[in-house]
């Protein structure tokens, strides 16, 4: 066929490089807002204590939140839906905690005033699952070392089992 291929200019113009940087900035901003939205959904620890008892800020909190989100959406929610189990909160367990995970069930009393003025009490429970994702300081550097994916899954499945027997 007699058509010539469309030519692409090899030299970027000021306009195209400005557009590229604008798009790159927009993508970065989108990632930041997505990460801050996830951070609002999941609790992660901001600090730990060093050998001298001084507070040290924890790095890689964004990675912790991403792992929590993945474990929650891909593992915990599907399993609890299948078995008809419930929990209220899913968060990080502290890297210096003795246990790799905990499930806590706390009583919750809801008091409601009916239209006729009568106060009713409804007894429920708040259930929190916490899983340690960072290695314990005795096993490595919690700033950058994380527990293996297999161990994370094993601990989470163990904690989900508590929901059935609490």
Protein backbone atom coordinates (compact mmCIF):
# COMPACT_ATOMS: atom_id res chain seq x y z
CA UNK A 1 0.00 0.00 0.00
CA UNK A 2 1.18 3.45 -0.84
CA UNK A 3 0.67 5.11 2.55
CA UNK A 4 3.65 6.44 4.43
CA UNK A 5 3.98 5.46 8.13
CA UNK A 6 3.23 8.21 10.62
CA UNK A 7 6.46 9.85 11.73
CA UNK A 8 7.23 10.36 15.39
CA UNK A 9 9.59 13.21 16.20
CA UNK A 10 12.72 11.86 17.80
CA UNK A 11 13.52 15.10 19.59
CA UNK A 12 11.14 15.82 22.52
CA UNK A 13 9.64 19.27 22.52
CA UNK A 14 9.33 21.43 25.61
CA UNK A 15 5.59 20.80 25.51
CA UNK A 16 5.90 16.99 25.55
CA UNK A 17 8.47 16.90 28.38
CA UNK A 18 6.25 19.25 30.39
CA UNK A 19 3.30 16.95 29.76
CA UNK A 20 5.36 13.94 30.84
CA UNK A 21 6.39 15.59 34.10
CA UNK A 22 2.79 16.69 34.68
CA UNK A 23 1.57 13.12 34.14
CA UNK A 24 4.33 11.72 36.37
CA UNK A 25 3.35 14.18 39.12
CA UNK A 26 -0.33 13.24 38.70
CA UNK A 27 0.52 9.53 39.01
CA UNK A 28 2.62 10.20 42.14
CA UNK A 29 -0.20 12.26 43.65
CA UNK A 30 -2.67 9.48 42.86
CA UNK A 31 -0.40 6.90 44.54
CA UNK A 32 -0.01 9.16 47.59
CA UNK A 33 -3.77 9.63 47.95
CA UNK A 34 -4.35 5.87 47.52
CA UNK A 35 -1.74 5.11 50.19
CA UNK A 36 -3.17 7.69 52.58
CA UNK A 37 -6.64 6.21 52.00
CA UNK A 38 -5.30 2.75 52.89
CA UNK A 39 -3.44 4.16 55.91
CA UNK A 40 -6.78 5.46 57.19
CA UNK A 41 -8.22 1.92 57.02
CA UNK A 42 -5.44 0.04 58.81
CA UNK A 43 -3.53 0.73 62.02
CA UNK A 44 0.26 0.42 61.87
CA UNK A 45 2.71 1.20 64.65
CA UNK A 46 4.74 4.38 64.34
CA UNK A 47 7.56 3.54 66.77
CA UNK A 48 9.42 0.91 68.76
CA UNK A 49 11.90 1.01 71.65
CA UNK A 50 15.62 0.52 71.11
CA UNK A 51 17.97 -1.35 73.48
CA UNK A 52 18.24 1.81 75.64
CA UNK A 53 14.48 2.19 75.90
CA UNK A 54 14.40 5.19 73.55
CA UNK A 55 11.57 5.58 71.06
CA UNK A 56 12.64 4.94 67.47
CA UNK A 57 10.31 5.77 64.56
CA UNK A 58 9.40 2.77 62.39
CA UNK A 59 10.03 3.00 58.65
CA UNK A 60 8.12 1.32 55.82
CA UNK A 61 4.67 1.91 57.30
CA UNK A 62 3.29 2.20 53.77
CA UNK A 63 4.50 -1.36 53.07
CA UNK A 64 2.86 -2.58 56.30
CA UNK A 65 -0.45 -1.00 55.28
CA UNK A 66 -0.24 -2.52 51.78
CA UNK A 67 0.42 -6.00 53.25
CA UNK A 68 -2.45 -5.59 55.73
CA UNK A 69 -4.78 -4.54 52.91
CA UNK A 70 -3.80 -7.52 50.78
CA UNK A 71 -4.16 -10.01 53.66
CA UNK A 72 -7.51 -8.49 54.62
CA UNK A 73 -9.05 -8.35 51.13
CA UNK A 74 -7.56 -11.51 49.61
CA UNK A 75 -7.58 -13.84 52.64
CA UNK A 76 -9.48 -12.71 55.75
CA UNK A 77 -12.64 -11.27 54.16
CA UNK A 78 -13.27 -14.19 51.76
CA UNK A 79 -12.71 -16.78 54.51
CA UNK A 80 -14.89 -15.01 57.08
CA UNK A 81 -17.67 -14.56 54.50
CA UNK A 82 -17.53 -18.25 53.56
CA UNK A 83 -17.72 -19.40 57.20
CA UNK A 84 -20.08 -16.65 58.40
CA UNK A 85 -17.58 -15.15 60.85
CA UNK A 86 -17.14 -11.49 61.80
CA UNK A 87 -14.43 -9.15 63.02
CA UNK A 88 -14.35 -5.37 63.35
CA UNK A 89 -10.70 -4.38 63.03
CA UNK A 90 -7.63 -5.81 61.30
CA UNK A 91 -4.26 -4.27 62.15
CA UNK A 92 -0.55 -4.70 62.69
CA UNK A 93 0.67 -6.37 65.89
CA UNK A 94 3.74 -4.67 67.37
CA UNK A 95 7.10 -5.99 66.15
CA UNK A 96 8.36 -6.29 69.74
CA UNK A 97 5.31 -8.25 70.93
CA UNK A 98 5.96 -11.76 72.20
CA UNK A 99 3.25 -13.40 70.08
CA UNK A 100 2.99 -13.31 66.29
CA UNK A 101 -0.72 -12.49 66.40
CA UNK A 102 -3.69 -11.93 68.70
CA UNK A 103 -7.45 -11.90 68.42
CA UNK A 104 -9.21 -9.82 71.06
CA UNK A 105 -12.95 -9.93 71.75
CA UNK A 106 -14.22 -7.08 73.91
CA UNK A 107 -17.78 -6.64 75.18
CA UNK A 108 -19.70 -3.72 73.72
CA UNK A 109 -22.99 -2.49 75.19
CA UNK A 110 -25.14 -0.38 72.88
CA UNK A 111 -27.72 1.72 74.71
CA UNK A 112 -30.58 3.08 72.65
CA UNK A 113 -33.45 5.31 73.68
CA UNK A 114 -36.71 4.24 72.06
CA UNK A 115 -39.26 6.84 70.86
CA UNK A 116 -41.33 6.13 74.00
CA UNK A 117 -38.33 7.00 76.22
CA UNK A 118 -37.46 3.42 77.18
CA UNK A 119 -33.71 2.65 77.15
CA UNK A 120 -32.72 -0.70 75.66
CA UNK A 121 -29.33 -2.36 75.93
CA UNK A 122 -27.91 -4.51 73.18
CA UNK A 123 -24.85 -6.62 74.02
CA UNK A 124 -22.37 -7.14 71.20
CA UNK A 125 -18.63 -7.62 70.88
CA UNK A 126 -15.79 -5.75 69.22
CA UNK A 127 -13.32 -8.17 67.66
CA UNK A 128 -9.82 -7.08 66.67
CA UNK A 129 -7.31 -9.23 64.80
CA UNK A 130 -3.66 -8.15 64.96
CA UNK A 131 -0.88 -9.85 62.98
CA UNK A 132 2.84 -9.12 63.35
CA UNK A 133 4.31 -8.40 59.92
CA UNK A 134 7.79 -7.14 60.86
CA UNK A 135 10.40 -9.50 62.28
CA UNK A 136 11.01 -9.43 66.02
CA UNK A 137 14.17 -7.42 66.87
CA UNK A 138 15.82 -10.65 68.09
CA UNK A 139 15.40 -12.16 64.58
CA UNK A 140 16.43 -9.22 62.39
CA UNK A 141 15.83 -5.54 61.69
CA UNK A 142 12.12 -4.63 62.04
CA UNK A 143 12.78 -1.44 60.04
CA UNK A 144 13.33 -3.39 56.83
CA UNK A 145 12.82 -7.14 57.47
CA UNK A 146 9.36 -8.64 57.26
CA UNK A 147 8.02 -12.05 58.24
CA UNK A 148 7.72 -14.37 55.23
CA UNK A 149 4.44 -14.45 53.31
CA UNK A 150 3.86 -18.09 54.35
CA UNK A 151 4.24 -17.24 58.03
CA UNK A 152 1.97 -14.20 57.65
CA UNK A 153 -0.71 -16.47 56.15
CA UNK A 154 -0.24 -19.13 58.84
CA UNK A 155 -0.59 -16.56 61.65
CA UNK A 156 -3.64 -14.97 60.01
CA UNK A 157 -5.35 -18.35 59.50
CA UNK A 158 -4.61 -19.22 63.13
CA UNK A 159 -6.18 -15.94 64.30
CA UNK A 160 -9.22 -16.48 62.06
CA UNK A 161 -9.71 -19.88 63.74
CA UNK A 162 -10.18 -18.05 67.04
CA UNK A 163 -13.26 -16.32 65.59
CA UNK A 164 -15.01 -19.69 65.41
CA UNK A 165 -14.09 -20.63 68.98
CA UNK A 166 -14.48 -17.41 70.97
